[in-house]
Every structure is written in C-alpha cells, then in structure tokens.
Amino acid sequence: MAKTENFLFTKLLSMKDVPARVLAGYYYDQNFHDSFCDKRNFNCYRLSPRNLNSAGTTRSWCTVGSHPVIFTMRSYNIRIFNTKDKFKFEAGWYYKPRSKTFPTFDAIFAVTDKHVVTVQASVTDEHSFKESGMDWLASHGAETMEYIYLSPPQISSVTILFPASTPPTIIPVDTSLKRKKQDSSSPTVKEPAVKIVGIYHVHMLIE
C-alpha cells in the first residue's frame, strides 16, 4: 500500500462514523491478500471462550492476553475459485474466493489435504461465524480447521460467536484465568462438519 493510501486507511479507521468504517473495511478486505501472503511475521493472540448464549447455540470467543506469539506466513500458490467449483484441497495452496459474499471466510490455505486454515479479514471488533462455511470445507476434503481473524492492530480485541459445538478447551487460557467446565446443562448441539482445533486473532497492516 502506498504511503498516501496507508494514511487515508488509518484516518478512515479512526473515524467514528459508519460510512468511514465501512469504506475502511472494504479497502482492507479487498487488499489484504497480497500483504498476508508475503512471507511476513505477524503478532498472533489466542481467543478464549466465554459463556453460551441464552439459547445455548453459540458461544462468544474473545481475544485474550497482551503478549502475542509470532505467526509466520509462508509462501503459497494462489488459486481463485468460484463457490460451486468442485475440487479437493491440496497442500501448499491458498484459496481465494471470487465471490465477495462467500460464507464465513475470506481465504483458506491448505496445510495438508485434510487440514486447512481459514482467514476472516475485518476491521470490526465483533463478527459472526456461519456454519455453512464448515459444510463447504468438508465437501472439499477438510476434516480439521484452524480459524484466523485478521485485523489491523488498531482492533486490539475481538469477539466472535462460534457454534456451541466448538470445544471450549481447544485453546489453553492464561494461567491467571480459571478454566471453566463445559456446561452440563447445555442442550444437545449438532457436531460440526469440520473439527475446529485452533482459533486466533492476528494483527496485520496492509503494506
């Protein structure tokens, strides 16, 4: 990103009015791929589970801690795909949906043919999660997945609603926090099509 564009993006992101934030979000969503796939190091934070919602169908996950670990993104081959394309994941490929309304994810990279990492890029501090995206992953060969919420560093903390079936102990929490037992009174929930084994918040400025 040129210095002028970087300045304008940062300015828009700092504004409180909705149109400015929407424009900043659109710019980030359209331009993050090249920066993310550029063999860079990023600060990576854990997300910790909170309480189930009143219906017992979703659980809030929130950024926790102020001491990140370093996540290194390696180089991947990029494939642009249509939602209805029929293919199986191949290790070493970064999959970029052509559709701007693809459910749940903005990108997917395949670590193995069965294990993928999904990326949701946004400039907001709250986001939803659509289980239909997991069904799509399973139909293309994925069995396990990790989830990255990618945002500018200005978004220091994020809250994401995951299905209640997501195990609340998949990410170790800080030793200063008490590990909560799974609610025995929770209603029966459907097992997800793909098992979530990691949830992270990664900071990235577009360059």
C-alpha atoms as a PDB file:
ATOM      1  CA  MET A   1       0.000   0.000   0.000  1.00  0.00           C
ATOM      2  CA  ALA A   2       1.381   3.456  -0.897  1.00  0.00           C
ATOM      3  CA  LYS A   3       2.063   5.852   1.971  1.00  0.00           C
ATOM      4  CA  THR A   4      -0.852   8.091   0.973  1.00  0.00           C
ATOM      5  CA  GLU A   5      -3.272   5.164   0.833  1.00  0.00           C
ATOM      6  CA  ASN A   6      -1.958   3.872   4.163  1.00  0.00           C
ATOM      7  CA  PHE A   7      -2.542   7.283   5.733  1.00  0.00           C
ATOM      8  CA  LEU A   8      -6.091   7.503   4.339  1.00  0.00           C
ATOM      9  CA  PHE A   9      -6.910   3.982   5.504  1.00  0.00           C
ATOM     10  CA  THR A  10      -5.667   4.755   9.034  1.00  0.00           C
ATOM     11  CA  LYS A  11      -7.642   8.013   9.039  1.00  0.00           C
ATOM     12  CA  LEU A  12     -10.844   6.275   7.967  1.00  0.00           C
ATOM     13  CA  LEU A  13     -10.332   3.572  10.570  1.00  0.00           C
ATOM     14  CA  SER A  14     -10.019   6.167  13.334  1.00  0.00           C
ATOM     15  CA  MET A  15     -13.296   7.868  12.450  1.00  0.00           C
ATOM     16  CA  LYS A  16     -16.404   7.055  14.462  1.00  0.00           C
ATOM     17  CA  ASP A  17     -18.984   7.457  11.691  1.00  0.00           C
ATOM     18  CA  VAL A  18     -20.283   4.317   9.996  1.00  0.00           C
ATOM     19  CA  PRO A  19     -19.589   5.255   6.329  1.00  0.00           C
ATOM     20  CA  ALA A  20     -15.884   5.818   7.055  1.00  0.00           C
ATOM     21  CA  ARG A  21     -15.545   2.470   8.849  1.00  0.00           C
ATOM     22  CA  VAL A  22     -17.410   0.684   6.057  1.00  0.00           C
ATOM     23  CA  LEU A  23     -15.046   2.173   3.480  1.00  0.00           C
ATOM     24  CA  ALA A  24     -12.014   1.194   5.576  1.00  0.00           C
ATOM     25  CA  GLY A  25     -13.383  -2.332   5.904  1.00  0.00           C
ATOM     26  CA  TYR A  26     -13.965  -2.624   2.168  1.00  0.00           C
ATOM     27  CA  TYR A  27     -10.423  -1.474   1.426  1.00  0.00           C
ATOM     28  CA  TYR A  28      -8.924  -3.907   3.939  1.00  0.00           C
ATOM     29  CA  ASP A  29     -10.991  -6.817   2.641  1.00  0.00           C
ATOM     30  CA  GLN A  30     -10.035  -6.119  -0.964  1.00  0.00           C
ATOM     31  CA  ASN A  31      -6.312  -5.662  -0.376  1.00  0.00           C
ATOM     32  CA  PHE A  32      -5.193  -7.918   2.480  1.00  0.00           C
ATOM     33  CA  HIS A  33      -4.320 -10.987   0.375  1.00  0.00           C
ATOM     34  CA  ASP A  34      -1.049  -9.707  -1.127  1.00  0.00           C
ATOM     35  CA  SER A  35       0.265  -8.466   2.228  1.00  0.00           C
ATOM     36  CA  PHE A  36      -0.776 -11.623   4.061  1.00  0.00           C
ATOM     37  CA  CYS A  37       0.904 -13.936   1.534  1.00  0.00           C
ATOM     38  CA  ASP A  38       4.198 -12.049   1.557  1.00  0.00           C
ATOM     39  CA  LYS A  39       6.244 -14.280   3.922  1.00  0.00           C
ATOM     40  CA  ARG A  40       5.778 -11.864   6.819  1.00  0.00           C
ATOM     41  CA  ASN A  41       5.686 -12.272  10.591  1.00  0.00           C
ATOM     42  CA  PHE A  42       2.550 -11.251  12.465  1.00  0.00           C
ATOM     43  CA  ASN A  43       1.519 -10.864  16.093  1.00  0.00           C
ATOM     44  CA  CYS A  44      -0.891 -13.652  16.971  1.00  0.00           C
ATOM     45  CA  TYR A  45      -3.192 -13.764  20.016  1.00  0.00           C
ATOM     46  CA  ARG A  46      -5.299 -16.557  21.481  1.00  0.00           C
ATOM     47  CA  LEU A  47      -9.055 -16.359  21.733  1.00  0.00           C
ATOM     48  CA  SER A  48     -10.675 -17.603  24.918  1.00  0.00           C
ATOM     49  CA  PRO A  49     -14.224 -18.989  25.282  1.00  0.00           C
ATOM     50  CA  ARG A  50     -16.848 -17.139  27.272  1.00  0.00           C
ATOM     51  CA  ASN A  51     -20.453 -18.023  28.077  1.00  0.00           C
ATOM     52  CA  LEU A  52     -23.046 -19.682  25.863  1.00  0.00           C
ATOM     53  CA  ASN A  53     -25.882 -17.502  24.611  1.00  0.00           C
ATOM     54  CA  SER A  54     -29.312 -17.879  26.199  1.00  0.00           C
ATOM     55  CA  ALA A  55     -30.428 -20.390  23.567  1.00  0.00           C
ATOM     56  CA  GLY A  56     -27.304 -22.491  24.040  1.00  0.00           C
ATOM     57  CA  THR A  57     -26.482 -22.399  20.324  1.00  0.00           C
ATOM     58  CA  THR A  58     -23.406 -20.150  20.223  1.00  0.00           C
ATOM     59  CA  ARG A  59     -20.506 -19.222  22.490  1.00  0.00           C
ATOM     60  CA  SER A  60     -18.555 -15.962  22.491  1.00  0.00           C
ATOM     61  CA  TRP A  61     -14.792 -16.206  21.955  1.00  0.00           C
ATOM     62  CA  CYS A  62     -12.669 -13.149  22.811  1.00  0.00           C
ATOM     63  CA  THR A  63      -9.071 -12.057  22.311  1.00  0.00           C
ATOM     64  CA  VAL A  64      -7.106 -12.723  25.492  1.00  0.00           C
ATOM     65  CA  GLY A  65      -3.681 -11.593  26.705  1.00  0.00           C
ATOM     66  CA  SER A  66      -1.286  -8.832  25.743  1.00  0.00           C
ATOM     67  CA  HIS A  67       1.733 -10.980  24.890  1.00  0.00           C
ATOM     68  CA  PRO A  68       1.433 -12.312  21.353  1.00  0.00           C
ATOM     69  CA  VAL A  69       3.292 -15.163  19.756  1.00  0.00           C
ATOM     70  CA  ILE A  70       4.780 -14.721  16.301  1.00  0.00           C
ATOM     71  CA  PHE A  71       2.923 -16.265  13.397  1.00  0.00           C
ATOM     72  CA  THR A  72       4.995 -16.639  10.214  1.00  0.00           C
ATOM     73  CA  MET A  73       3.060 -16.868   6.975  1.00  0.00           C
ATOM     74  CA  ARG A  74       4.894 -18.826   4.330  1.00  0.00           C
ATOM     75  CA  SER A  75       4.522 -18.526   0.575  1.00  0.00           C
ATOM     76  CA  TYR A  76       1.545 -20.280  -1.011  1.00  0.00           C
ATOM     77  CA  ASN A  77       0.346 -20.756  -4.568  1.00  0.00           C
ATOM     78  CA  ILE A  78      -2.872 -18.748  -5.004  1.00  0.00           C
ATOM     79  CA  ARG A  79      -5.980 -20.227  -6.593  1.00  0.00           C
ATOM     80  CA  ILE A  80      -9.086 -18.139  -7.209  1.00  0.00           C
ATOM     81  CA  PHE A  81     -12.238 -20.239  -7.081  1.00  0.00           C
ATOM     82  CA  ASN A  82     -15.987 -19.978  -7.567  1.00  0.00           C
ATOM     83  CA  THR A  83     -18.264 -21.113  -4.747  1.00  0.00           C
ATOM     84  CA  LYS A  84     -19.682 -24.028  -6.774  1.00  0.00           C
ATOM     85  CA  ASP A  85     -16.310 -25.264  -8.089  1.00  0.00           C
ATOM     86  CA  LYS A  86     -15.742 -28.954  -7.350  1.00  0.00           C
ATOM     87  CA  PHE A  87     -12.220 -29.685  -6.112  1.00  0.00           C
ATOM     88  CA  LYS A  88     -10.349 -31.176  -3.178  1.00  0.00           C
ATOM     89  CA  PHE A  89      -7.885 -29.182  -1.119  1.00  0.00           C
ATOM     90  CA  GLU A  90      -4.211 -29.628  -1.962  1.00  0.00           C
ATOM     91  CA  ALA A  91      -1.398 -28.859   0.470  1.00  0.00           C
ATOM     92  CA  GLY A  92       0.509 -25.665  -0.299  1.00  0.00           C
ATOM     93  CA  TRP A  93      -2.347 -23.761  -1.944  1.00  0.00           C
ATOM     94  CA  TYR A  94      -4.008 -20.515  -0.846  1.00  0.00           C
ATOM     95  CA  TYR A  95      -7.642 -20.409  -1.934  1.00  0.00           C
ATOM     96  CA  LYS A  96      -9.223 -17.015  -2.619  1.00  0.00           C
ATOM     97  CA  PRO A  97     -12.982 -16.921  -3.312  1.00  0.00           C
ATOM     98  CA  ARG A  98     -14.083 -14.939  -6.333  1.00  0.00           C
ATOM     99  CA  SER A  99     -17.398 -14.156  -4.628  1.00  0.00           C
ATOM    100  CA  LYS A 100     -17.433 -11.216  -2.214  1.00  0.00           C
ATOM    101  CA  THR A 101     -20.236 -12.884  -0.254  1.00  0.00           C
ATOM    102  CA  PHE A 102     -18.556 -16.245   0.356  1.00  0.00           C
ATOM    103  CA  PRO A 103     -19.790 -17.539   3.752  1.00  0.00           C
ATOM    104  CA  THR A 104     -17.601 -17.179   6.862  1.00  0.00           C
ATOM    105  CA  PHE A 105     -14.143 -16.978   5.261  1.00  0.00           C
ATOM    106  CA  ASP A 106     -12.229 -14.550   3.050  1.00  0.00           C
ATOM    107  CA  ALA A 107      -9.425 -17.018   2.303  1.00  0.00           C
ATOM    108  CA  ILE A 108      -8.326 -20.575   3.049  1.00  0.00           C
ATOM    109  CA  PHE A 109      -4.856 -22.090   2.950  1.00  0.00           C
ATOM    110  CA  ALA A 110      -4.295 -25.823   2.971  1.00  0.00           C
ATOM    111  CA  VAL A 111      -1.595 -27.091   5.333  1.00  0.00           C
ATOM    112  CA  THR A 112      -2.397 -30.652   4.242  1.00  0.00           C
ATOM    113  CA  ASP A 113      -5.127 -32.128   2.066  1.00  0.00           C
ATOM    114  CA  LYS A 114      -7.235 -32.645   5.213  1.00  0.00           C
ATOM    115  CA  HIS A 115      -6.235 -29.701   7.412  1.00  0.00           C
ATOM    116  CA  VAL A 116      -6.902 -26.081   6.450  1.00  0.00           C
ATOM    117  CA  VAL A 117      -6.552 -22.640   7.995  1.00  0.00           C
ATOM    118  CA  THR A 118      -9.370 -20.205   7.261  1.00  0.00           C
ATOM    119  CA  VAL A 119      -8.967 -16.428   7.300  1.00  0.00           C
ATOM    120  CA  GLN A 120     -11.626 -13.839   8.077  1.00  0.00           C
ATOM    121  CA  ALA A 121     -10.376 -10.285   7.461  1.00  0.00           C
ATOM    122  CA  SER A 122     -12.226  -7.368   9.036  1.00  0.00           C
ATOM    123  CA  VAL A 123     -11.843  -4.011  10.786  1.00  0.00           C
ATOM    124  CA  THR A 124     -14.630  -4.588  13.333  1.00  0.00           C
ATOM    125  CA  ASP A 125     -14.335  -5.850  16.916  1.00  0.00           C
ATOM    126  CA  GLU A 126     -17.291  -8.237  16.604  1.00  0.00           C
ATOM    127  CA  HIS A 127     -18.057 -10.856  13.986  1.00  0.00           C
ATOM    128  CA  SER A 128     -20.369 -13.771  13.336  1.00  0.00           C
ATOM    129  CA  PHE A 129     -19.482 -17.256  12.147  1.00  0.00           C
ATOM    130  CA  LYS A 130     -21.616 -19.217   9.657  1.00  0.00           C
ATOM    131  CA  GLU A 131     -21.618 -22.997   9.976  1.00  0.00           C
ATOM    132  CA  SER A 132     -22.431 -23.303   6.269  1.00  0.00           C
ATOM    133  CA  GLY A 133     -18.789 -22.450   5.646  1.00  0.00           C
ATOM    134  CA  MET A 134     -17.747 -25.582   7.544  1.00  0.00           C
ATOM    135  CA  ASP A 135     -20.063 -27.704   5.411  1.00  0.00           C
ATOM    136  CA  TRP A 136     -18.361 -26.255   2.339  1.00  0.00           C
ATOM    137  CA  LEU A 137     -14.916 -27.071   3.744  1.00  0.00           C
ATOM    138  CA  ALA A 138     -15.960 -30.675   4.436  1.00  0.00           C
ATOM    139  CA  SER A 139     -17.288 -31.095   0.899  1.00  0.00           C
ATOM    140  CA  HIS A 140     -13.823 -30.186  -0.381  1.00  0.00           C
ATOM    141  CA  GLY A 141     -11.977 -32.706   1.779  1.00  0.00           C
ATOM    142  CA  ALA A 142     -11.212 -30.825   5.011  1.00  0.00           C
ATOM    143  CA  GLU A 143     -11.518 -32.711   8.293  1.00  0.00           C
ATOM    144  CA  THR A 144      -9.902 -30.223  10.696  1.00  0.00           C
ATOM    145  CA  MET A 145      -9.503 -26.464  10.586  1.00  0.00           C
ATOM    146  CA  GLU A 146      -7.940 -23.505  12.341  1.00  0.00           C
ATOM    147  CA  TYR A 147      -9.515 -20.062  12.229  1.00  0.00           C
ATOM    148  CA  ILE A 148      -7.676 -16.741  11.927  1.00  0.00           C
ATOM    149  CA  TYR A 149      -9.423 -13.438  12.483  1.00  0.00           C
ATOM    150  CA  LEU A 150      -7.223 -10.934  10.647  1.00  0.00           C
ATOM    151  CA  SER A 151      -7.469  -7.266  11.558  1.00  0.00           C
ATOM    152  CA  PRO A 152      -5.378  -4.093  11.744  1.00  0.00           C
ATOM    153  CA  PRO A 153      -3.524  -3.631  15.073  1.00  0.00           C
ATOM    154  CA  GLN A 154      -5.977  -0.861  15.972  1.00  0.00           C
ATOM    155  CA  ILE A 155      -8.510  -3.627  16.628  1.00  0.00           C
ATOM    156  CA  SER A 156      -6.898  -4.816  19.851  1.00  0.00           C
ATOM    157  CA  SER A 157      -9.651  -7.229  20.851  1.00  0.00           C
ATOM    158  CA  VAL A 158     -12.403  -9.068  19.016  1.00  0.00           C
ATOM    159  CA  THR A 159     -15.466 -11.101  19.971  1.00  0.00           C
ATOM    160  CA  ILE A 160     -16.651 -13.869  17.649  1.00  0.00           C
ATOM    161  CA  LEU A 161     -19.699 -16.104  18.018  1.00  0.00           C
ATOM    162  CA  PHE A 162     -18.812 -19.728  17.314  1.00  0.00           C
ATOM    163  CA  PRO A 163     -21.174 -22.722  17.315  1.00  0.00           C
ATOM    164  CA  ALA A 164     -21.745 -24.199  20.773  1.00  0.00           C
ATOM    165  CA  SER A 165     -20.292 -27.454  19.459  1.00  0.00           C
ATOM    166  CA  THR A 166     -16.829 -25.824  19.312  1.00  0.00           C
ATOM    167  CA  PRO A 167     -14.905 -27.381  22.245  1.00  0.00           C
ATOM    168  CA  PRO A 168     -14.269 -24.634  24.831  1.00  0.00           C
ATOM    169  CA  THR A 169     -10.879 -26.104  25.770  1.00  0.00           C
ATOM    170  CA  ILE A 170      -9.188 -26.200  22.342  1.00  0.00           C
ATOM    171  CA  ILE A 171      -7.050 -23.157  23.191  1.00  0.00           C
ATOM    172  CA  PRO A 172      -5.123 -23.061  26.518  1.00  0.00           C
ATOM    173  CA  VAL A 173      -6.056 -19.990  28.524  1.00  0.00           C
ATOM    174  CA  ASP A 174      -3.748 -17.795  30.617  1.00  0.00           C
ATOM    175  CA  THR A 175      -2.862 -19.347  33.981  1.00  0.00           C
ATOM    176  CA  SER A 176      -4.413 -16.315  35.689  1.00  0.00           C
ATOM    177  CA  LEU A 177      -7.802 -17.287  34.291  1.00  0.00           C
ATOM    178  CA  LYS A 178      -9.854 -20.135  35.652  1.00  0.00           C
ATOM    179  CA  ARG A 179     -10.655 -22.861  33.158  1.00  0.00           C
ATOM    180  CA  LYS A 180     -14.406 -23.327  33.072  1.00  0.00           C
ATOM    181  CA  LYS A 181     -16.037 -26.723  32.855  1.00  0.00           C
ATOM    182  CA  GLN A 182     -18.330 -27.356  29.930  1.00  0.00           C
ATOM    183  CA  ASP A 183     -21.941 -26.626  30.826  1.00  0.00           C
ATOM    184  CA  SER A 184     -23.601 -29.962  31.595  1.00  0.00           C
ATOM    185  CA  SER A 185     -26.992 -28.326  31.240  1.00  0.00           C
ATOM    186  CA  SER A 186     -26.345 -27.160  27.677  1.00  0.00           C
ATOM    187  CA  PRO A 187     -28.750 -28.503  25.053  1.00  0.00           C
ATOM    188  CA  THR A 188     -27.544 -31.138  22.614  1.00  0.00           C
ATOM    189  CA  VAL A 189     -25.840 -29.498  19.650  1.00  0.00           C
ATOM    190  CA  LYS A 190     -25.055 -30.861  16.220  1.00  0.00           C
ATOM    191  CA  GLU A 191     -21.475 -31.942  15.650  1.00  0.00           C
ATOM    192  CA  PRO A 192     -19.768 -29.647  13.123  1.00  0.00           C
ATOM    193  CA  ALA A 193     -18.848 -30.913   9.663  1.00  0.00           C
ATOM    194  CA  VAL A 194     -15.204 -29.953  10.314  1.00  0.00           C
ATOM    195  CA  LYS A 195     -13.459 -30.030  13.695  1.00  0.00           C
ATOM    196  CA  ILE A 196     -12.094 -26.666  14.862  1.00  0.00           C
ATOM    197  CA  VAL A 197      -8.684 -27.150  16.504  1.00  0.00           C
ATOM    198  CA  GLY A 198      -7.460 -23.569  16.802  1.00  0.00           C
ATOM    199  CA  ILE A 199      -8.874 -20.015  16.977  1.00  0.00           C
ATOM    200  CA  TYR A 200      -6.590 -16.976  16.705  1.00  0.00           C
ATOM    201  CA  HIS A 201      -6.593 -13.196  16.303  1.00  0.00           C
ATOM    202  CA  VAL A 202      -3.777 -11.961  14.037  1.00  0.00           C
ATOM    203  CA  HIS A 203      -2.800  -8.302  13.574  1.00  0.00           C
ATOM    204  CA  MET A 204      -1.752  -7.111  10.131  1.00  0.00           C
ATOM    205  CA  LEU A 205      -1.319  -3.737   8.484  1.00  0.00           C
ATOM    206  CA  ILE A 206      -1.589  -3.720   4.693  1.00  0.00           C
ATOM    207  CA  GLU A 207       1.709  -2.650   3.153  1.00  0.00           C
END
